[in-house]
Amino acid sequence: MTEQHILPELRKSGGTRELYSEIEIHASPERIWEILSDFKSYPEWNPFIRSIQGTLVVGEWIKADLRPSGTTGMKISPVLLKVDPGRELRWIGHLFVRGLVDGEHVFEIRPLGNDLCLFIQHEYFSGLLIPLIEAMLRTDTARGFAEMNEALKARAEQPAGAVFVNAFPLR
């Protein structure tokens, strides 16, 4: 089986855009979820979502600092829509008010067997300002997705107890 790795691509469907990416990770769904749901460790490894504050409870608001490399980033306060341990984490946020820029961010973990999973990160964007930010989605946001996917893969595939600095394991 060849390793699957799809760089983020922006797909259009009417007024909605979907930024989609996936990567194969040689780890169990439980290991990937452990890393993804440990918000306190994000500053240690995540080059895209620098921090998240809040609890993993559907309906709760969280605070996230999104900062793709080379950008000043932005802080968002989305509400959690789905928390399915080992399978899916989903939230929705809005820029200022609903309808300007709405984003539903999804992290999916799909087991492929033998401690191999497909990690899918995608976001559905809609709203009046989408045409104005489409270039940013294709570049900065897509780069953030790719960087996070690679960092998650590196962290999940390292043996337990590995020490990380700037998202990369020390050897």
C-alpha atoms as a PDB file:
ATOM      1  CA  MET A   1       0.000   0.000   0.000  1.00  0.00           C
ATOM      2  CA  THR A   2       1.438   3.355  -0.951  1.00  0.00           C
ATOM      3  CA  GLU A   3       1.190   6.166   1.533  1.00  0.00           C
ATOM      4  CA  GLN A   4      -1.603   8.608   0.836  1.00  0.00           C
ATOM      5  CA  HIS A   5      -1.003  12.299   1.252  1.00  0.00           C
ATOM      6  CA  ILE A   6      -3.267  14.884  -0.363  1.00  0.00           C
ATOM      7  CA  LEU A   7      -2.137  18.481  -0.157  1.00  0.00           C
ATOM      8  CA  PRO A   8      -4.927  20.875   0.729  1.00  0.00           C
ATOM      9  CA  GLU A   9      -7.155  21.829  -2.159  1.00  0.00           C
ATOM     10  CA  LEU A  10      -9.968  24.346  -2.304  1.00  0.00           C
ATOM     11  CA  ARG A  11     -13.129  22.903  -3.810  1.00  0.00           C
ATOM     12  CA  LYS A  12     -16.096  25.016  -4.932  1.00  0.00           C
ATOM     13  CA  SER A  13     -19.754  24.131  -4.764  1.00  0.00           C
ATOM     14  CA  GLY A  14     -22.058  27.071  -5.374  1.00  0.00           C
ATOM     15  CA  GLY A  15     -21.366  29.713  -2.739  1.00  0.00           C
ATOM     16  CA  THR A  16     -19.590  27.245  -0.483  1.00  0.00           C
ATOM     17  CA  ARG A  17     -15.884  26.433  -0.483  1.00  0.00           C
ATOM     18  CA  GLU A  18     -14.316  23.349   1.050  1.00  0.00           C
ATOM     19  CA  LEU A  19     -10.646  23.282   1.942  1.00  0.00           C
ATOM     20  CA  TYR A  20      -9.780  19.581   2.022  1.00  0.00           C
ATOM     21  CA  SER A  21      -6.643  17.667   3.000  1.00  0.00           C
ATOM     22  CA  GLU A  22      -5.740  14.188   4.158  1.00  0.00           C
ATOM     23  CA  ILE A  23      -2.706  12.252   5.304  1.00  0.00           C
ATOM     24  CA  GLU A  24      -2.041   8.660   6.326  1.00  0.00           C
ATOM     25  CA  ILE A  25      -0.702   8.252   9.839  1.00  0.00           C
ATOM     26  CA  HIS A  26       0.871   5.053  11.127  1.00  0.00           C
ATOM     27  CA  ALA A  27      -0.775   5.120  14.546  1.00  0.00           C
ATOM     28  CA  SER A  28      -3.959   3.941  16.212  1.00  0.00           C
ATOM     29  CA  PRO A  29      -7.092   6.107  16.211  1.00  0.00           C
ATOM     30  CA  GLU A  30      -6.706   6.335  19.991  1.00  0.00           C
ATOM     31  CA  ARG A  31      -3.148   7.716  19.701  1.00  0.00           C
ATOM     32  CA  ILE A  32      -4.183  10.318  17.117  1.00  0.00           C
ATOM     33  CA  TRP A  33      -7.191  11.344  19.222  1.00  0.00           C
ATOM     34  CA  GLU A  34      -5.013  11.599  22.328  1.00  0.00           C
ATOM     35  CA  ILE A  35      -2.818  14.167  20.560  1.00  0.00           C
ATOM     36  CA  LEU A  36      -5.678  15.997  18.829  1.00  0.00           C
ATOM     37  CA  SER A  37      -7.735  16.342  22.007  1.00  0.00           C
ATOM     38  CA  ASP A  38      -4.830  17.393  24.272  1.00  0.00           C
ATOM     39  CA  PHE A  39      -5.280  21.128  23.774  1.00  0.00           C
ATOM     40  CA  LYS A  40      -2.657  21.989  26.402  1.00  0.00           C
ATOM     41  CA  SER A  41       0.093  20.446  24.269  1.00  0.00           C
ATOM     42  CA  TYR A  42      -0.768  22.342  21.042  1.00  0.00           C
ATOM     43  CA  PRO A  43       1.936  24.996  21.586  1.00  0.00           C
ATOM     44  CA  GLU A  44       4.526  22.174  21.681  1.00  0.00           C
ATOM     45  CA  TRP A  45       3.716  20.683  18.293  1.00  0.00           C
ATOM     46  CA  ASN A  46       0.985  22.423  16.293  1.00  0.00           C
ATOM     47  CA  PRO A  47       2.324  25.005  13.808  1.00  0.00           C
ATOM     48  CA  PHE A  48      -1.176  26.020  12.625  1.00  0.00           C
ATOM     49  CA  ILE A  49      -3.478  25.999  15.654  1.00  0.00           C
ATOM     50  CA  ARG A  50      -1.108  27.482  18.195  1.00  0.00           C
ATOM     51  CA  SER A  51      -3.492  27.103  21.111  1.00  0.00           C
ATOM     52  CA  ILE A  52      -6.997  26.041  22.055  1.00  0.00           C
ATOM     53  CA  GLN A  53      -8.702  26.803  25.342  1.00  0.00           C
ATOM     54  CA  GLY A  54     -11.880  25.092  26.435  1.00  0.00           C
ATOM     55  CA  THR A  55     -13.319  21.682  27.095  1.00  0.00           C
ATOM     56  CA  LEU A  56     -14.376  18.973  24.669  1.00  0.00           C
ATOM     57  CA  VAL A  57     -18.113  19.150  25.225  1.00  0.00           C
ATOM     58  CA  VAL A  58     -20.634  19.509  22.398  1.00  0.00           C
ATOM     59  CA  GLY A  59     -22.275  22.924  22.552  1.00  0.00           C
ATOM     60  CA  GLU A  60     -19.350  24.525  24.404  1.00  0.00           C
ATOM     61  CA  TRP A  61     -17.409  27.497  23.052  1.00  0.00           C
ATOM     62  CA  ILE A  62     -13.652  27.206  22.683  1.00  0.00           C
ATOM     63  CA  LYS A  63     -11.008  29.818  21.906  1.00  0.00           C
ATOM     64  CA  ALA A  64      -8.431  29.046  19.233  1.00  0.00           C
ATOM     65  CA  ASP A  65      -5.387  30.898  17.946  1.00  0.00           C
ATOM     66  CA  LEU A  66      -4.961  30.061  14.236  1.00  0.00           C
ATOM     67  CA  ARG A  67      -1.639  31.188  12.815  1.00  0.00           C
ATOM     68  CA  PRO A  68      -0.325  29.612   9.606  1.00  0.00           C
ATOM     69  CA  SER A  69       3.400  30.202   9.188  1.00  0.00           C
ATOM     70  CA  GLY A  70       4.217  33.599   7.763  1.00  0.00           C
ATOM     71  CA  THR A  71       0.977  35.236   8.964  1.00  0.00           C
ATOM     72  CA  THR A  72      -0.234  37.170  11.985  1.00  0.00           C
ATOM     73  CA  GLY A  73      -3.168  34.775  12.186  1.00  0.00           C
ATOM     74  CA  MET A  74      -6.460  35.241  13.931  1.00  0.00           C
ATOM     75  CA  LYS A  75      -8.242  34.263  17.111  1.00  0.00           C
ATOM     76  CA  ILE A  76     -11.615  32.575  16.828  1.00  0.00           C
ATOM     77  CA  SER A  77     -14.293  31.430  19.286  1.00  0.00           C
ATOM     78  CA  PRO A  78     -16.164  28.557  17.643  1.00  0.00           C
ATOM     79  CA  VAL A  79     -18.733  26.248  19.214  1.00  0.00           C
ATOM     80  CA  LEU A  80     -18.156  22.487  19.282  1.00  0.00           C
ATOM     81  CA  LEU A  81     -20.637  20.590  17.099  1.00  0.00           C
ATOM     82  CA  LYS A  82     -19.313  17.039  17.444  1.00  0.00           C
ATOM     83  CA  VAL A  83     -16.908  15.281  19.787  1.00  0.00           C
ATOM     84  CA  ASP A  84     -16.599  11.592  18.879  1.00  0.00           C
ATOM     85  CA  PRO A  85     -13.411  10.269  20.547  1.00  0.00           C
ATOM     86  CA  GLY A  86     -11.137   8.446  18.128  1.00  0.00           C
ATOM     87  CA  ARG A  87     -13.280   9.478  15.156  1.00  0.00           C
ATOM     88  CA  GLU A  88     -14.240  13.144  14.760  1.00  0.00           C
ATOM     89  CA  LEU A  89     -13.936  16.648  16.173  1.00  0.00           C
ATOM     90  CA  ARG A  90     -16.036  19.406  14.580  1.00  0.00           C
ATOM     91  CA  TRP A  91     -16.699  23.071  15.307  1.00  0.00           C
ATOM     92  CA  ILE A  92     -18.295  26.087  13.656  1.00  0.00           C
ATOM     93  CA  GLY A  93     -17.201  29.685  13.888  1.00  0.00           C
ATOM     94  CA  HIS A  94     -18.163  33.013  12.376  1.00  0.00           C
ATOM     95  CA  LEU A  95     -16.184  36.128  11.487  1.00  0.00           C
ATOM     96  CA  PHE A  96     -17.828  38.914  13.502  1.00  0.00           C
ATOM     97  CA  VAL A  97     -21.439  37.904  12.694  1.00  0.00           C
ATOM     98  CA  ARG A  98     -23.056  34.909  11.057  1.00  0.00           C
ATOM     99  CA  GLY A  99     -23.164  35.187   7.280  1.00  0.00           C
ATOM    100  CA  LEU A 100     -19.992  37.208   6.621  1.00  0.00           C
ATOM    101  CA  VAL A 101     -17.575  34.277   6.824  1.00  0.00           C
ATOM    102  CA  ASP A 102     -18.740  31.059   8.423  1.00  0.00           C
ATOM    103  CA  GLY A 103     -16.401  28.106   8.798  1.00  0.00           C
ATOM    104  CA  GLU A 104     -17.198  24.557   9.868  1.00  0.00           C
ATOM    105  CA  HIS A 105     -13.893  22.857  10.678  1.00  0.00           C
ATOM    106  CA  VAL A 106     -13.720  19.065  10.748  1.00  0.00           C
ATOM    107  CA  PHE A 107     -11.016  16.659  11.892  1.00  0.00           C
ATOM    108  CA  GLU A 108     -11.761  13.034  10.972  1.00  0.00           C
ATOM    109  CA  ILE A 109      -9.843   9.902  11.908  1.00  0.00           C
ATOM    110  CA  ARG A 110     -10.617   6.918   9.683  1.00  0.00           C
ATOM    111  CA  PRO A 111      -9.049   3.606  10.723  1.00  0.00           C
ATOM    112  CA  LEU A 112      -7.538   1.674   7.821  1.00  0.00           C
ATOM    113  CA  GLY A 113      -6.334  -1.290   9.928  1.00  0.00           C
ATOM    114  CA  ASN A 114      -3.026  -2.364  11.503  1.00  0.00           C
ATOM    115  CA  ASP A 115      -2.414   0.958  13.286  1.00  0.00           C
ATOM    116  CA  LEU A 116      -2.880   2.917  10.092  1.00  0.00           C
ATOM    117  CA  CYS A 117      -5.386   5.767   9.852  1.00  0.00           C
ATOM    118  CA  LEU A 118      -6.436   8.367   7.365  1.00  0.00           C
ATOM    119  CA  PHE A 119      -6.507  11.776   9.034  1.00  0.00           C
ATOM    120  CA  ILE A 120      -8.765  14.194   7.178  1.00  0.00           C
ATOM    121  CA  GLN A 121      -8.828  17.887   7.936  1.00  0.00           C
ATOM    122  CA  HIS A 122     -11.325  19.994   6.072  1.00  0.00           C
ATOM    123  CA  GLU A 123     -13.377  23.103   6.473  1.00  0.00           C
ATOM    124  CA  TYR A 124     -16.540  24.306   4.793  1.00  0.00           C
ATOM    125  CA  PHE A 125     -16.591  28.060   4.234  1.00  0.00           C
ATOM    126  CA  SER A 126     -19.631  30.145   3.315  1.00  0.00           C
ATOM    127  CA  GLY A 127     -20.723  33.748   3.584  1.00  0.00           C
ATOM    128  CA  LEU A 128     -20.739  37.076   1.785  1.00  0.00           C
ATOM    129  CA  LEU A 129     -16.988  37.691   2.049  1.00  0.00           C
ATOM    130  CA  ILE A 130     -15.815  34.304   0.734  1.00  0.00           C
ATOM    131  CA  PRO A 131     -14.897  35.652  -2.733  1.00  0.00           C
ATOM    132  CA  LEU A 132     -12.685  38.267  -1.057  1.00  0.00           C
ATOM    133  CA  ILE A 133     -10.743  35.761   1.070  1.00  0.00           C
ATOM    134  CA  GLU A 134     -10.528  32.890  -1.415  1.00  0.00           C
ATOM    135  CA  ALA A 135      -6.874  33.617  -2.255  1.00  0.00           C
ATOM    136  CA  MET A 136      -5.967  33.524   1.453  1.00  0.00           C
ATOM    137  CA  LEU A 137      -7.750  30.178   1.837  1.00  0.00           C
ATOM    138  CA  ARG A 138      -5.774  28.744  -1.103  1.00  0.00           C
ATOM    139  CA  THR A 139      -2.437  29.895   0.292  1.00  0.00           C
ATOM    140  CA  ASP A 140      -2.193  30.681   4.009  1.00  0.00           C
ATOM    141  CA  THR A 141      -4.978  28.471   5.324  1.00  0.00           C
ATOM    142  CA  ALA A 142      -4.036  25.583   3.029  1.00  0.00           C
ATOM    143  CA  ARG A 143      -0.413  25.875   4.199  1.00  0.00           C
ATOM    144  CA  GLY A 144      -1.636  25.767   7.814  1.00  0.00           C
ATOM    145  CA  PHE A 145      -3.596  22.572   7.149  1.00  0.00           C
ATOM    146  CA  ALA A 146      -0.569  20.910   5.531  1.00  0.00           C
ATOM    147  CA  GLU A 147       1.789  21.973   8.320  1.00  0.00           C
ATOM    148  CA  MET A 148      -0.563  20.711  11.018  1.00  0.00           C
ATOM    149  CA  ASN A 149      -1.148  17.403   9.233  1.00  0.00           C
ATOM    150  CA  GLU A 150       2.608  16.785   8.943  1.00  0.00           C
ATOM    151  CA  ALA A 151       3.220  17.754  12.576  1.00  0.00           C
ATOM    152  CA  LEU A 152       0.401  15.506  13.810  1.00  0.00           C
ATOM    153  CA  LYS A 153       1.812  12.629  11.752  1.00  0.00           C
ATOM    154  CA  ALA A 154       5.326  13.185  13.134  1.00  0.00           C
ATOM    155  CA  ARG A 155       4.075  13.300  16.716  1.00  0.00           C
ATOM    156  CA  ALA A 156       1.716  10.315  16.413  1.00  0.00           C
ATOM    157  CA  GLU A 157       4.313   8.098  14.733  1.00  0.00           C
ATOM    158  CA  GLN A 158       6.982   8.692  17.396  1.00  0.00           C
ATOM    159  CA  PRO A 159       7.393   6.221  20.248  1.00  0.00           C
ATOM    160  CA  ALA A 160       5.716   7.097  23.541  1.00  0.00           C
ATOM    161  CA  GLY A 161       7.862   9.425  25.618  1.00  0.00           C
ATOM    162  CA  ALA A 162       9.598  11.113  22.654  1.00  0.00           C
ATOM    163  CA  VAL A 163      10.623  14.706  23.356  1.00  0.00           C
ATOM    164  CA  PHE A 164       9.554  17.378  20.863  1.00  0.00           C
ATOM    165  CA  VAL A 165      10.875  20.831  20.120  1.00  0.00           C
ATOM    166  CA  ASN A 166       9.105  23.009  17.545  1.00  0.00           C
ATOM    167  CA  ALA A 167       6.894  20.123  16.384  1.00  0.00           C
ATOM    168  CA  PHE A 168       9.812  17.845  15.546  1.00  0.00           C
ATOM    169  CA  PRO A 169      11.137  14.991  17.695  1.00  0.00           C
ATOM    170  CA  LEU A 170      14.606  15.140  19.167  1.00  0.00           C
ATOM    171  CA  ARG A 171      16.642  12.081  18.269  1.00  0.00           C
END
